Amino acid sequence: MHSETLNDLSLAGLQIAIQDIKDELFDTPECDYAIAQLLSQWGQSEKAEQLLDEMLLKWGTSPDVIALTQRGHTEMKAEMTSEMTGSELLAENDEPMHKPTNTAPAQVRVVAA
C-alpha cells in the first residue's frame, strides 16, 4: 500500500509539472515538445513518442514542427541508449565497473619448487 501511495504522489507531481508547462508555453508545438521530454524523463517513453507523433497531425508539417519532432525522437533514442549502456556497466553493488586500462595479455612465470 505504501508503494501505491508513492506512485499516486509521483503521478500527481507529473500532472502538476505538465500543467505548469501548459501554463507557461500555452498551446504551442514547443509546449507539446516540452511535455514529451518530461514524459520521457519520467519513464513514460511510449506516451512521449505518441505525443511527438501527434504533433504532426495537430500542428502540420511545417519545418519547425518537423524539426521539433525529429529532435524529440533523437533525444529519446539517445536517452534510452545511454540508460541501457549505463545499466549494463553496473556491478552487483550498483557501482560502475571500470574497464581495464591494459588490454595486453598477462605474462605468467612458472617457478618450479
N, C-alpha and C. Protein backbone atom coordinates (compact mmCIF):
# COMPACT_ATOMS: atom_id res chain seq x y z
N MET A 1 0.82 -1.18 0.00
CA MET A 1 0.00 0.00 0.00
C MET A 1 0.87 1.25 0.00
N HIS A 2 2.01 1.18 0.65
CA HIS A 2 2.91 2.32 0.70
C HIS A 2 3.40 2.70 -0.69
N SER A 3 3.76 1.71 -1.50
CA SER A 3 4.24 1.99 -2.85
C SER A 3 3.14 2.57 -3.73
N GLU A 4 1.89 2.17 -3.49
CA GLU A 4 0.78 2.74 -4.25
C GLU A 4 0.63 4.22 -3.94
N THR A 5 0.81 4.59 -2.71
CA THR A 5 0.72 5.99 -2.32
C THR A 5 1.83 6.80 -2.97
N LEU A 6 3.05 6.28 -2.96
CA LEU A 6 4.16 6.97 -3.60
C LEU A 6 3.94 7.09 -5.10
N ASN A 7 3.40 6.05 -5.71
CA ASN A 7 3.11 6.08 -7.13
C ASN A 7 2.06 7.15 -7.44
N ASP A 8 1.02 7.23 -6.62
CA ASP A 8 -0.01 8.24 -6.81
C ASP A 8 0.57 9.65 -6.67
N LEU A 9 1.45 9.82 -5.69
CA LEU A 9 2.08 11.13 -5.49
C LEU A 9 2.97 11.48 -6.68
N SER A 10 3.68 10.50 -7.21
CA SER A 10 4.54 10.75 -8.36
C SER A 10 3.71 11.15 -9.58
N LEU A 11 2.62 10.45 -9.80
CA LEU A 11 1.75 10.79 -10.93
C LEU A 11 1.12 12.17 -10.74
N ALA A 12 0.76 12.49 -9.51
CA ALA A 12 0.21 13.82 -9.24
C ALA A 12 1.26 14.90 -9.50
N GLY A 13 2.50 14.63 -9.10
CA GLY A 13 3.58 15.58 -9.36
C GLY A 13 3.83 15.76 -10.85
N LEU A 14 3.75 14.66 -11.60
CA LEU A 14 3.91 14.72 -13.05
C LEU A 14 2.80 15.56 -13.67
N GLN A 15 1.58 15.37 -13.22
CA GLN A 15 0.46 16.15 -13.76
C GLN A 15 0.61 17.64 -13.45
N ILE A 16 1.11 17.95 -12.26
CA ILE A 16 1.34 19.35 -11.89
C ILE A 16 2.42 19.95 -12.78
N ALA A 17 3.48 19.20 -13.02
CA ALA A 17 4.56 19.69 -13.88
C ALA A 17 4.07 19.91 -15.31
N ILE A 18 3.23 19.01 -15.80
CA ILE A 18 2.68 19.16 -17.16
C ILE A 18 1.79 20.40 -17.21
N GLN A 19 0.98 20.61 -16.19
CA GLN A 19 0.11 21.78 -16.17
C GLN A 19 0.93 23.08 -16.12
N ASP A 20 2.04 23.07 -15.37
CA ASP A 20 2.92 24.24 -15.33
C ASP A 20 3.49 24.56 -16.71
N ILE A 21 3.88 23.52 -17.43
CA ILE A 21 4.40 23.71 -18.79
C ILE A 21 3.32 24.30 -19.68
N LYS A 22 2.10 23.77 -19.58
CA LYS A 22 0.99 24.28 -20.39
C LYS A 22 0.69 25.74 -20.05
N ASP A 23 0.78 26.09 -18.77
CA ASP A 23 0.51 27.46 -18.36
C ASP A 23 1.56 28.43 -18.90
N GLU A 24 2.81 27.98 -18.97
CA GLU A 24 3.89 28.86 -19.43
C GLU A 24 3.98 28.93 -20.95
N LEU A 25 3.79 27.82 -21.63
CA LEU A 25 4.00 27.77 -23.08
C LEU A 25 2.70 27.77 -23.87
N PHE A 26 1.57 27.75 -23.18
CA PHE A 26 0.25 27.72 -23.80
C PHE A 26 0.13 26.53 -24.75
N ASP A 27 -0.68 26.63 -25.75
CA ASP A 27 -0.90 25.51 -26.67
C ASP A 27 -0.08 25.75 -27.93
N THR A 28 1.17 25.31 -27.88
CA THR A 28 2.11 25.51 -28.99
C THR A 28 2.87 24.20 -29.24
N PRO A 29 3.53 24.10 -30.39
CA PRO A 29 4.36 22.91 -30.61
C PRO A 29 5.46 22.78 -29.56
N GLU A 30 6.01 23.90 -29.13
CA GLU A 30 7.06 23.88 -28.11
C GLU A 30 6.53 23.31 -26.79
N CYS A 31 5.27 23.59 -26.49
CA CYS A 31 4.63 23.07 -25.28
C CYS A 31 4.54 21.54 -25.37
N ASP A 32 4.06 21.04 -26.49
CA ASP A 32 3.94 19.59 -26.67
C ASP A 32 5.32 18.93 -26.61
N TYR A 33 6.31 19.56 -27.21
CA TYR A 33 7.68 19.03 -27.19
C TYR A 33 8.21 18.97 -25.76
N ALA A 34 8.00 20.02 -24.98
CA ALA A 34 8.47 20.06 -23.59
C ALA A 34 7.78 18.99 -22.75
N ILE A 35 6.50 18.78 -22.99
CA ILE A 35 5.76 17.74 -22.26
C ILE A 35 6.29 16.36 -22.64
N ALA A 36 6.58 16.16 -23.92
CA ALA A 36 7.13 14.88 -24.36
C ALA A 36 8.48 14.62 -23.70
N GLN A 37 9.31 15.65 -23.58
CA GLN A 37 10.59 15.50 -22.89
C GLN A 37 10.39 15.09 -21.44
N LEU A 38 9.45 15.74 -20.78
CA LEU A 38 9.17 15.44 -19.38
C LEU A 38 8.68 14.00 -19.22
N LEU A 39 7.75 13.60 -20.08
CA LEU A 39 7.24 12.23 -20.01
C LEU A 39 8.37 11.22 -20.21
N SER A 40 9.25 11.50 -21.14
CA SER A 40 10.38 10.61 -21.40
C SER A 40 11.28 10.50 -20.18
N GLN A 41 11.54 11.63 -19.54
CA GLN A 41 12.40 11.63 -18.35
C GLN A 41 11.76 10.88 -17.19
N TRP A 42 10.44 10.84 -17.16
CA TRP A 42 9.73 10.15 -16.09
C TRP A 42 9.46 8.69 -16.44
N GLY A 43 10.10 8.21 -17.51
CA GLY A 43 9.98 6.80 -17.86
C GLY A 43 8.73 6.44 -18.62
N GLN A 44 8.06 7.42 -19.20
CA GLN A 44 6.85 7.15 -19.97
C GLN A 44 7.13 7.41 -21.45
N SER A 45 8.08 6.65 -21.97
CA SER A 45 8.55 6.85 -23.34
C SER A 45 7.47 6.63 -24.39
N GLU A 46 6.60 5.65 -24.17
CA GLU A 46 5.55 5.39 -25.15
C GLU A 46 4.61 6.58 -25.28
N LYS A 47 4.23 7.17 -24.16
CA LYS A 47 3.35 8.34 -24.20
C LYS A 47 4.08 9.52 -24.86
N ALA A 48 5.36 9.65 -24.57
CA ALA A 48 6.14 10.73 -25.16
C ALA A 48 6.22 10.59 -26.68
N GLU A 49 6.49 9.36 -27.14
CA GLU A 49 6.55 9.12 -28.59
C GLU A 49 5.21 9.39 -29.25
N GLN A 50 4.14 8.98 -28.59
CA GLN A 50 2.81 9.22 -29.13
C GLN A 50 2.54 10.72 -29.24
N LEU A 51 2.92 11.46 -28.23
CA LEU A 51 2.72 12.91 -28.26
C LEU A 51 3.52 13.56 -29.39
N LEU A 52 4.75 13.11 -29.58
CA LEU A 52 5.57 13.64 -30.67
C LEU A 52 4.94 13.33 -32.03
N ASP A 53 4.42 12.11 -32.19
CA ASP A 53 3.79 11.74 -33.45
C ASP A 53 2.50 12.55 -33.69
N GLU A 54 1.76 12.79 -32.63
CA GLU A 54 0.51 13.56 -32.75
C GLU A 54 0.77 15.03 -33.07
N MET A 55 1.97 15.50 -32.77
CA MET A 55 2.29 16.90 -33.08
C MET A 55 2.15 17.18 -34.57
N LEU A 56 2.55 16.24 -35.40
CA LEU A 56 2.46 16.44 -36.84
C LEU A 56 1.00 16.55 -37.29
N LEU A 57 0.12 15.77 -36.67
CA LEU A 57 -1.30 15.86 -37.01
C LEU A 57 -1.91 17.16 -36.50
N LYS A 58 -1.50 17.55 -35.32
CA LYS A 58 -2.07 18.73 -34.67
C LYS A 58 -1.54 20.03 -35.27
N TRP A 59 -0.25 20.10 -35.55
CA TRP A 59 0.37 21.35 -35.95
C TRP A 59 0.77 21.40 -37.43
N GLY A 60 0.64 20.29 -38.13
CA GLY A 60 1.01 20.27 -39.54
C GLY A 60 2.48 19.92 -39.71
N THR A 61 2.91 20.02 -40.95
CA THR A 61 4.28 19.60 -41.28
C THR A 61 5.17 20.78 -41.63
N SER A 62 5.05 21.83 -40.87
CA SER A 62 5.95 22.96 -41.09
C SER A 62 7.36 22.55 -40.70
N PRO A 63 8.37 23.21 -41.27
CA PRO A 63 9.76 22.83 -40.93
C PRO A 63 10.05 22.89 -39.43
N ASP A 64 9.46 23.85 -38.72
CA ASP A 64 9.71 23.97 -37.28
C ASP A 64 9.14 22.77 -36.52
N VAL A 65 7.94 22.34 -36.88
CA VAL A 65 7.31 21.21 -36.20
C VAL A 65 8.06 19.93 -36.52
N ILE A 66 8.44 19.74 -37.76
CA ILE A 66 9.20 18.55 -38.14
C ILE A 66 10.53 18.51 -37.40
N ALA A 67 11.19 19.65 -37.29
CA ALA A 67 12.47 19.71 -36.57
C ALA A 67 12.29 19.35 -35.10
N LEU A 68 11.22 19.85 -34.47
CA LEU A 68 10.97 19.53 -33.06
C LEU A 68 10.69 18.04 -32.86
N THR A 69 9.87 17.46 -33.74
CA THR A 69 9.55 16.05 -33.57
C THR A 69 10.78 15.17 -33.81
N GLN A 70 11.57 15.52 -34.82
CA GLN A 70 12.79 14.74 -35.08
C GLN A 70 13.77 14.86 -33.92
N ARG A 71 13.91 16.08 -33.40
CA ARG A 71 14.81 16.28 -32.26
C ARG A 71 14.34 15.49 -31.04
N GLY A 72 13.02 15.49 -30.83
CA GLY A 72 12.46 14.74 -29.70
C GLY A 72 12.73 13.25 -29.82
N HIS A 73 12.50 12.69 -31.02
CA HIS A 73 12.75 11.26 -31.22
C HIS A 73 14.24 10.95 -31.06
N THR A 74 15.10 11.81 -31.58
CA THR A 74 16.54 11.59 -31.48
C THR A 74 16.99 11.62 -30.02
N GLU A 75 16.49 12.58 -29.26
CA GLU A 75 16.86 12.69 -27.85
C GLU A 75 16.37 11.48 -27.06
N MET A 76 15.17 11.01 -27.37
CA MET A 76 14.64 9.85 -26.66
C MET A 76 15.46 8.60 -26.96
N LYS A 77 15.86 8.43 -28.21
CA LYS A 77 16.68 7.27 -28.57
C LYS A 77 18.03 7.35 -27.87
N ALA A 78 18.61 8.54 -27.84
CA ALA A 78 19.90 8.71 -27.17
C ALA A 78 19.78 8.44 -25.68
N GLU A 79 18.71 8.90 -25.08
CA GLU A 79 18.49 8.68 -23.64
C GLU A 79 18.30 7.20 -23.34
N MET A 80 17.54 6.51 -24.18
CA MET A 80 17.32 5.08 -23.97
C MET A 80 18.63 4.31 -24.14
N THR A 81 19.44 4.71 -25.11
CA THR A 81 20.71 4.05 -25.35
C THR A 81 21.65 4.25 -24.17
N SER A 82 21.71 5.48 -23.65
CA SER A 82 22.60 5.74 -22.53
C SER A 82 22.14 5.02 -21.27
N GLU A 83 20.83 4.89 -21.09
CA GLU A 83 20.32 4.16 -19.94
C GLU A 83 20.69 2.69 -20.03
N MET A 84 20.58 2.12 -21.23
CA MET A 84 20.93 0.71 -21.41
C MET A 84 22.42 0.50 -21.19
N THR A 85 23.23 1.37 -21.74
CA THR A 85 24.68 1.26 -21.59
C THR A 85 25.06 1.43 -20.13
N GLY A 86 24.48 2.39 -19.47
CA GLY A 86 24.79 2.63 -18.07
C GLY A 86 24.40 1.48 -17.18
N SER A 87 23.24 0.88 -17.44
CA SER A 87 22.81 -0.22 -16.57
C SER A 87 23.64 -1.47 -16.80
N GLU A 88 24.17 -1.64 -17.99
CA GLU A 88 24.98 -2.81 -18.26
C GLU A 88 26.35 -2.70 -17.59
N LEU A 89 26.78 -1.51 -17.29
CA LEU A 89 28.11 -1.31 -16.72
C LEU A 89 28.09 -1.21 -15.20
N LEU A 90 27.01 -1.62 -14.57
CA LEU A 90 26.94 -1.58 -13.12
C LEU A 90 27.25 -2.95 -12.54
N ALA A 91 28.03 -2.94 -11.50
CA ALA A 91 28.34 -4.18 -10.80
C ALA A 91 27.14 -4.54 -9.92
N GLU A 92 27.23 -5.67 -9.22
CA GLU A 92 26.12 -6.09 -8.37
C GLU A 92 25.83 -5.09 -7.26
N ASN A 93 26.82 -4.35 -6.83
CA ASN A 93 26.63 -3.37 -5.76
C ASN A 93 26.29 -1.99 -6.30
N ASP A 94 25.87 -1.90 -7.57
CA ASP A 94 25.46 -0.67 -8.24
C ASP A 94 26.58 0.35 -8.41
N GLU A 95 27.81 -0.09 -8.27
CA GLU A 95 28.94 0.79 -8.55
C GLU A 95 29.40 0.54 -9.97
N PRO A 96 29.81 1.58 -10.69
CA PRO A 96 30.24 1.37 -12.06
C PRO A 96 31.46 0.47 -12.13
N MET A 97 31.45 -0.40 -13.12
CA MET A 97 32.59 -1.27 -13.34
C MET A 97 33.58 -0.53 -14.22
N HIS A 98 34.83 -0.60 -13.89
CA HIS A 98 35.86 0.08 -14.67
C HIS A 98 36.50 -0.89 -15.64
N LYS A 99 36.66 -0.43 -16.86
CA LYS A 99 37.33 -1.26 -17.85
C LYS A 99 38.82 -1.24 -17.57
N PRO A 100 39.50 -2.36 -17.78
CA PRO A 100 40.94 -2.38 -17.54
C PRO A 100 41.65 -1.48 -18.54
N THR A 101 42.68 -0.79 -18.05
CA THR A 101 43.41 0.10 -18.94
C THR A 101 44.42 -0.66 -19.79
N ASN A 102 44.95 -1.75 -19.28
CA ASN A 102 45.93 -2.53 -20.01
C ASN A 102 45.22 -3.75 -20.60
N THR A 103 45.19 -3.81 -21.92
CA THR A 103 44.50 -4.93 -22.55
C THR A 103 45.46 -5.98 -23.08
N ALA A 104 46.76 -5.84 -22.78
CA ALA A 104 47.74 -6.83 -23.21
C ALA A 104 47.57 -8.10 -22.40
N PRO A 105 47.84 -9.26 -22.98
CA PRO A 105 47.70 -10.49 -22.22
C PRO A 105 48.69 -10.54 -21.06
N ALA A 106 48.23 -11.15 -19.99
CA ALA A 106 49.08 -11.24 -18.81
C ALA A 106 50.22 -12.23 -19.05
N GLN A 107 51.36 -11.94 -18.46
CA GLN A 107 52.50 -12.84 -18.56
C GLN A 107 52.59 -13.64 -17.27
N VAL A 108 52.69 -14.93 -17.43
CA VAL A 108 52.73 -15.82 -16.27
C VAL A 108 54.12 -16.45 -16.21
N ARG A 109 54.72 -16.42 -15.04
CA ARG A 109 56.02 -17.07 -14.83
C ARG A 109 55.80 -18.26 -13.94
N VAL A 110 56.29 -19.37 -14.37
CA VAL A 110 56.16 -20.59 -13.57
C VAL A 110 57.49 -20.82 -12.87
N VAL A 111 57.41 -20.99 -11.57
CA VAL A 111 58.61 -21.24 -10.78
C VAL A 111 58.50 -22.63 -10.22
N ALA A 112 59.51 -23.45 -10.51
CA ALA A 112 59.49 -24.83 -10.01
C ALA A 112 60.01 -24.84 -8.57
N ALA A 113 59.42 -25.67 -7.76
CA ALA A 113 59.81 -25.75 -6.37
C ALA A 113 60.84 -26.80 -6.11
